[in-house]
Protein backbone atom coordinates (compact mmCIF):
# COMPACT_ATOMS: atom_id res chain seq x y z
CA MET A 1 25.31 14.23 -22.00
CA VAL A 2 23.77 14.32 -18.52
CA SER A 3 21.15 11.73 -17.68
CA LEU A 4 18.67 12.07 -14.85
CA ARG A 5 17.82 8.91 -12.92
CA ILE A 6 15.26 8.22 -10.23
CA SER A 7 14.18 5.35 -8.02
CA VAL A 8 11.63 5.59 -5.22
CA LEU A 9 13.33 3.45 -2.58
CA GLY A 10 10.10 3.16 -0.62
CA SER A 11 6.92 5.15 -0.08
CA SER A 12 4.19 4.67 2.51
CA SER A 13 3.13 5.95 5.91
CA SER A 14 5.91 3.71 7.31
CA GLY A 15 8.74 5.42 5.46
CA ASN A 16 9.63 7.51 2.41
CA CYS A 17 12.90 7.95 0.52
CA THR A 18 13.74 8.64 -3.12
CA PHE A 19 17.09 8.37 -4.89
CA LEU A 20 17.94 10.86 -7.66
CA SER A 21 21.14 11.15 -9.63
CA THR A 22 22.89 12.61 -12.62
CA SER A 23 26.13 11.22 -14.03
CA THR A 24 28.05 13.08 -11.30
CA THR A 25 25.63 13.81 -8.44
CA ARG A 26 23.69 11.45 -6.14
CA ILE A 27 21.18 12.56 -3.51
CA LEU A 28 18.36 11.28 -1.33
CA LEU A 29 15.02 13.01 -0.97
CA ASP A 30 13.76 12.34 2.56
CA ALA A 31 15.09 9.86 5.07
CA GLY A 32 12.31 7.57 6.20
CA PHE A 33 14.47 4.45 6.56
CA SER A 34 17.42 3.43 8.72
CA LYS A 35 20.92 3.32 7.30
CA ILE A 36 20.66 -0.47 7.00
CA GLN A 37 17.37 -0.36 5.12
CA THR A 38 18.45 2.57 2.95
CA SER A 39 21.74 0.84 2.12
CA ARG A 40 19.97 -2.39 1.17
CA ARG A 41 17.50 -0.60 -1.07
CA LEU A 42 20.26 1.37 -2.75
CA GLN A 43 22.25 -1.81 -3.34
CA SER A 44 19.20 -3.36 -5.01
CA ILE A 45 19.38 -0.67 -7.73
CA GLY A 46 23.17 -0.82 -8.06
CA GLU A 47 23.97 2.17 -5.85
CA SER A 48 25.62 2.60 -2.46
CA LEU A 49 24.98 4.70 0.63
CA GLU A 50 28.59 5.90 0.57
CA SER A 51 28.05 7.57 -2.82
CA ILE A 52 25.25 9.84 -1.53
CA GLU A 53 26.31 13.50 -1.51
CA ALA A 54 23.33 15.19 0.16
CA ILE A 55 19.94 14.63 1.75
CA VAL A 56 16.99 16.91 0.96
CA ILE A 57 14.04 16.95 3.39
CA SER A 58 10.45 17.75 2.37
CA HIS A 59 8.85 18.10 5.83
CA GLU A 60 9.13 16.94 9.42
CA HIS A 61 6.67 14.03 9.63
CA SER A 62 8.31 10.91 11.01
CA ASP A 63 7.85 8.80 7.89
CA HIS A 64 10.12 11.28 6.08
CA VAL A 65 12.79 11.96 8.71
CA GLN A 66 12.90 9.06 11.18
CA GLY A 67 16.00 7.61 9.50
CA LEU A 68 18.05 10.81 9.58
CA PRO A 69 20.01 10.14 12.81
CA SER A 70 20.91 6.67 11.58
CA LEU A 71 21.93 7.88 8.12
CA LEU A 72 24.00 10.76 9.47
CA SER A 73 25.90 8.36 11.69
CA ALA A 74 27.04 6.59 8.52
CA ILE A 75 27.57 9.41 6.01
CA ASP A 76 28.72 12.98 6.66
CA VAL A 77 26.68 14.87 4.07
CA PRO A 78 24.83 18.19 4.10
CA ILE A 79 21.10 18.34 4.83
CA TYR A 80 19.00 20.71 2.73
CA ILE A 81 15.98 21.64 4.84
CA ALA A 82 13.59 24.53 5.52
CA GLU A 83 14.31 26.43 8.75
CA LYS A 84 10.92 25.71 10.35
CA THR A 85 11.24 22.03 9.46
CA LEU A 86 14.68 21.90 11.05
CA ASP A 87 13.32 23.54 14.20
CA ALA A 88 10.61 20.88 14.35
CA ILE A 89 13.12 18.00 14.36
CA ARG A 90 16.05 19.66 16.12
CA SER A 91 15.54 17.65 19.31
CA SER A 92 16.23 14.39 17.44
CA VAL A 93 18.74 15.59 14.83
CA SER A 94 21.94 17.49 15.55
CA HIS A 95 24.02 18.18 12.47
CA SER A 96 26.50 20.89 11.60
CA ARG A 97 26.22 20.69 7.81
CA VAL A 98 22.79 22.24 7.32
CA GLN A 99 21.78 24.22 4.23
CA SER A 100 18.62 26.27 4.60
CA ILE A 101 16.14 26.09 1.73
CA ARG A 102 12.97 28.03 1.03
CA ALA A 103 9.96 27.69 -1.24
CA GLY A 104 10.47 29.62 -4.46
CA GLU A 105 14.27 29.80 -4.15
CA ARG A 106 16.26 27.48 -6.43
CA PHE A 107 19.43 25.83 -5.22
CA THR A 108 21.96 23.44 -6.71
CA ILE A 109 23.68 20.27 -5.57
CA GLY A 110 26.45 19.43 -8.02
CA ASP A 111 24.89 19.60 -11.50
CA LEU A 112 21.35 19.10 -10.13
CA GLU A 113 19.16 22.20 -9.98
CA ILE A 114 16.36 21.96 -7.43
CA SER A 115 13.25 24.13 -7.23
CA PRO A 116 11.26 23.76 -3.98
CA PHE A 117 7.65 24.92 -3.79
CA SER A 118 4.92 24.89 -1.15
CA VAL A 119 2.19 22.27 -0.94
CA PRO A 120 -0.92 22.14 1.29
CA HIS A 121 -0.21 19.65 4.09
CA ASP A 122 -0.44 19.68 7.87
CA ALA A 123 3.26 20.27 8.46
CA VAL A 124 5.11 23.45 9.44
CA ASP A 125 6.55 24.21 5.99
CA PRO A 126 5.93 21.32 3.58
CA LEU A 127 7.77 21.36 0.26
CA ALA A 128 7.62 19.55 -3.05
CA PHE A 129 10.36 19.74 -5.65
CA VAL A 130 11.30 19.86 -9.32
CA PHE A 131 14.74 18.40 -10.02
CA GLU A 132 16.42 19.46 -13.26
CA ALA A 133 19.62 18.54 -15.10
CA ASP A 134 20.52 19.31 -18.71
CA GLY A 135 16.93 20.18 -19.56
CA LEU A 136 15.48 17.00 -18.04
CA LYS A 137 13.00 17.48 -15.19
CA VAL A 138 11.50 15.31 -12.46
CA GLY A 139 8.58 16.59 -10.38
CA HIS A 140 8.21 15.01 -6.93
CA VAL A 141 4.95 15.83 -5.15
CA THR A 142 3.64 13.82 -2.20
CA ASP A 143 1.87 14.68 1.06
CA LEU A 144 -0.65 17.24 -0.13
CA GLY A 145 -4.38 17.64 0.36
CA TYR A 146 -5.23 18.85 -3.14
CA MET A 147 -3.68 19.90 -6.44
CA THR A 148 -3.09 23.63 -6.22
CA GLY A 149 -2.56 25.83 -9.24
CA LEU A 150 1.09 26.12 -8.26
CA VAL A 151 1.55 22.34 -8.17
CA ILE A 152 -0.10 21.96 -11.57
CA GLN A 153 2.12 24.69 -13.01
CA ARG A 154 5.31 23.15 -11.60
CA LEU A 155 4.51 19.72 -13.06
CA LYS A 156 4.15 21.03 -16.60
CA GLY A 157 7.07 20.01 -18.79
CA CYS A 158 8.36 17.37 -16.39
CA ASP A 159 9.81 14.24 -17.99
CA ALA A 160 8.86 12.12 -14.97
CA ILE A 161 6.42 12.76 -12.13
CA VAL A 162 6.22 11.21 -8.67
CA LEU A 163 2.72 11.93 -7.41
CA GLU A 164 0.87 10.85 -4.31
CA SER A 165 -2.14 8.58 -4.84
CA ASN A 166 -2.83 7.92 -1.19
CA HIS A 167 -6.34 6.59 -0.78
CA ASP A 168 -9.60 5.46 -2.29
CA LEU A 169 -12.34 7.63 -0.82
CA GLU A 170 -14.84 4.81 -0.28
CA MET A 171 -12.22 2.57 1.32
CA LEU A 172 -11.22 5.42 3.62
CA ARG A 173 -14.79 6.29 4.60
CA SER A 174 -15.70 2.68 5.40
CA GLY A 175 -12.29 1.70 6.76
CA PRO A 176 -10.95 1.17 10.29
CA TYR A 177 -9.51 4.62 10.98
CA PRO A 178 -11.16 6.82 13.64
CA TRP A 179 -13.28 9.62 12.24
CA HIS A 180 -10.88 12.42 13.22
CA LEU A 181 -8.08 10.72 11.27
CA LYS A 182 -10.35 10.19 8.26
CA GLN A 183 -11.20 13.89 8.36
CA ARG A 184 -7.51 14.80 8.48
CA ILE A 185 -6.67 12.62 5.48
CA MET A 186 -9.59 13.95 3.43
CA SER A 187 -8.94 17.59 4.34
CA LYS A 188 -7.30 20.25 2.18
CA HIS A 189 -4.13 19.70 4.20
CA GLY A 190 -4.23 15.91 4.21
CA HIS A 191 -3.44 13.44 1.45
CA LEU A 192 -4.30 13.15 -2.23
CA SER A 193 -6.90 10.58 -3.28
CA ASN A 194 -6.87 8.37 -6.37
CA ASP A 195 -9.77 10.42 -7.73
CA GLU A 196 -7.84 13.69 -7.35
CA VAL A 197 -4.96 12.18 -9.31
CA GLY A 198 -7.35 11.06 -12.03
CA LYS A 199 -8.90 14.52 -12.14
CA PHE A 200 -5.46 16.11 -12.47
CA ILE A 201 -4.59 13.81 -15.37
CA GLU A 202 -7.86 14.51 -17.19
CA GLU A 203 -7.96 18.25 -16.60
CA SER A 204 -4.40 19.51 -16.17
CA PHE A 205 -1.71 16.99 -17.13
CA ASP A 206 0.16 18.19 -20.20
CA GLY A 207 1.12 14.70 -21.39
CA HIS A 208 4.84 15.50 -21.47
CA ALA A 209 6.02 13.01 -18.84
CA ARG A 210 7.28 9.64 -20.01
CA CYS A 211 6.69 8.15 -16.58
CA ILE A 212 4.29 8.70 -13.70
CA ILE A 213 5.13 7.06 -10.38
CA LEU A 214 2.19 6.76 -7.99
CA ALA A 215 3.45 7.04 -4.42
CA HIS A 216 2.47 7.03 -0.75
CA LEU A 217 -0.35 4.49 -1.22
CA SER A 218 -2.21 3.72 2.01
CA GLU A 219 -2.16 0.08 3.09
CA SER A 220 -5.52 0.36 4.85
CA ASN A 221 -7.37 2.73 2.53
CA ASN A 222 -6.15 1.88 -0.95
CA HIS A 223 -5.20 -0.99 -3.23
CA PRO A 224 -2.48 -0.86 -5.90
CA ASP A 225 -4.89 -2.10 -8.57
CA LEU A 226 -7.37 0.68 -7.73
CA ALA A 227 -4.74 3.41 -7.81
CA ARG A 228 -3.35 2.15 -11.12
CA MET A 229 -6.81 1.74 -12.67
CA VAL A 230 -7.97 5.29 -11.87
CA SER A 231 -4.84 6.84 -13.40
CA ALA A 232 -4.79 4.46 -16.37
CA ILE A 233 -8.42 5.23 -17.22
CA ALA A 234 -7.76 8.97 -16.99
CA LEU A 235 -4.73 8.66 -19.27
CA GLU A 236 -6.73 6.62 -21.77
CA ARG A 237 -9.55 9.17 -21.79
CA LYS A 238 -7.06 11.91 -22.61
CA GLY A 239 -5.42 9.81 -25.31
CA PHE A 240 -1.99 9.98 -23.68
CA SER A 241 0.47 7.21 -24.50
CA LEU A 242 2.58 6.88 -21.36
CA GLN A 243 5.65 4.68 -21.44
CA ASN A 244 5.47 3.84 -17.74
CA LEU A 245 2.81 3.99 -15.02
CA VAL A 246 4.66 2.73 -11.96
CA LEU A 247 3.54 2.12 -8.39
CA ALA A 248 6.00 2.82 -5.59
CA SER A 249 6.27 0.11 -2.96
CA LYS A 250 6.46 0.11 0.82
CA THR A 251 8.99 -2.73 0.91
CA THR A 252 11.23 -2.49 -2.13
CA ALA A 253 12.85 0.07 -4.41
CA ILE A 254 11.37 0.44 -7.87
CA PRO A 255 13.75 -0.27 -10.78
CA MET A 256 15.83 2.73 -11.80
CA ILE A 257 14.13 5.03 -14.30
CA VAL A 258 16.62 6.70 -16.64
CA LEU A 259 15.53 9.81 -18.53
C-alpha cells in the first residue's frame, strides 16, 4: 500500500520548501534554501538530498526559488515549472531538464499525481497543487490574496492541507512595514490573513483533512499563538476533531506527517 508523507522543511518570507514522498517517489516543492540548508533539513526528518527525484516550483518569488542554482549544482533532477515562471528566473537558472507545467493540467512524477491550479498572487503565473497517491491527497496552497472558489473546491477531500496563514490584520496595520507594502500584503493578490483562514474553516472546510499545516507566517505581522488560536477556534465552532494543527517553522522542518 502506498503511503503519502509530507514535511514542510521551512516556510517564511526568508525561504520555502516542502518535502513530499510516496514509498517510491521523493520530491521537493519549491527551492527557497541552499543545498546545505536543504540537506540539513532533510537529514533531520531521515531523508537525504541525493534521494530527491524532482523539484516542482510554484512561482518565481525569491523565497521560493533562491536555492535552485545551489540545489541543481548538487543533484541533476528535472524541474517542473510553468513557462512564464521559468522565463522570469531564466537569468539566474540554466537547466536542461525542464518540464513545463500548466494550471489545470495534471502530471505525474513516479507514482505521485500532481494537479496544479491558479491562485491570486502578484507573480507571473502562481500555482498551488494537490498531490495524490493511492487515493490519498495533500493540498498545498500558499502565497494567495484570498480563498477563491477554485481553491476551496480543490481542497475538498484532501487528507492533509498546507495553507498560508500569513498575518494578523491588526499587527500588519500597526506594524513597521511601509504603507505600500501593507497594501500589497492585504490586497487580493497578496497574502492570506489568519482571519481568512478562520473564515475558510468555518464556511468552506469539509472536515476531511486529518492535518492542517499553517504556513508562511510573517515574523513581523503575526505570532504563532495567534495563527493557531484563530484556526483552532474556527475548528471548534464547526465541531471538527482534527488530529493535528501544525505550524510550519522558518528555521526547522516539521516532523514527518504520514497519511
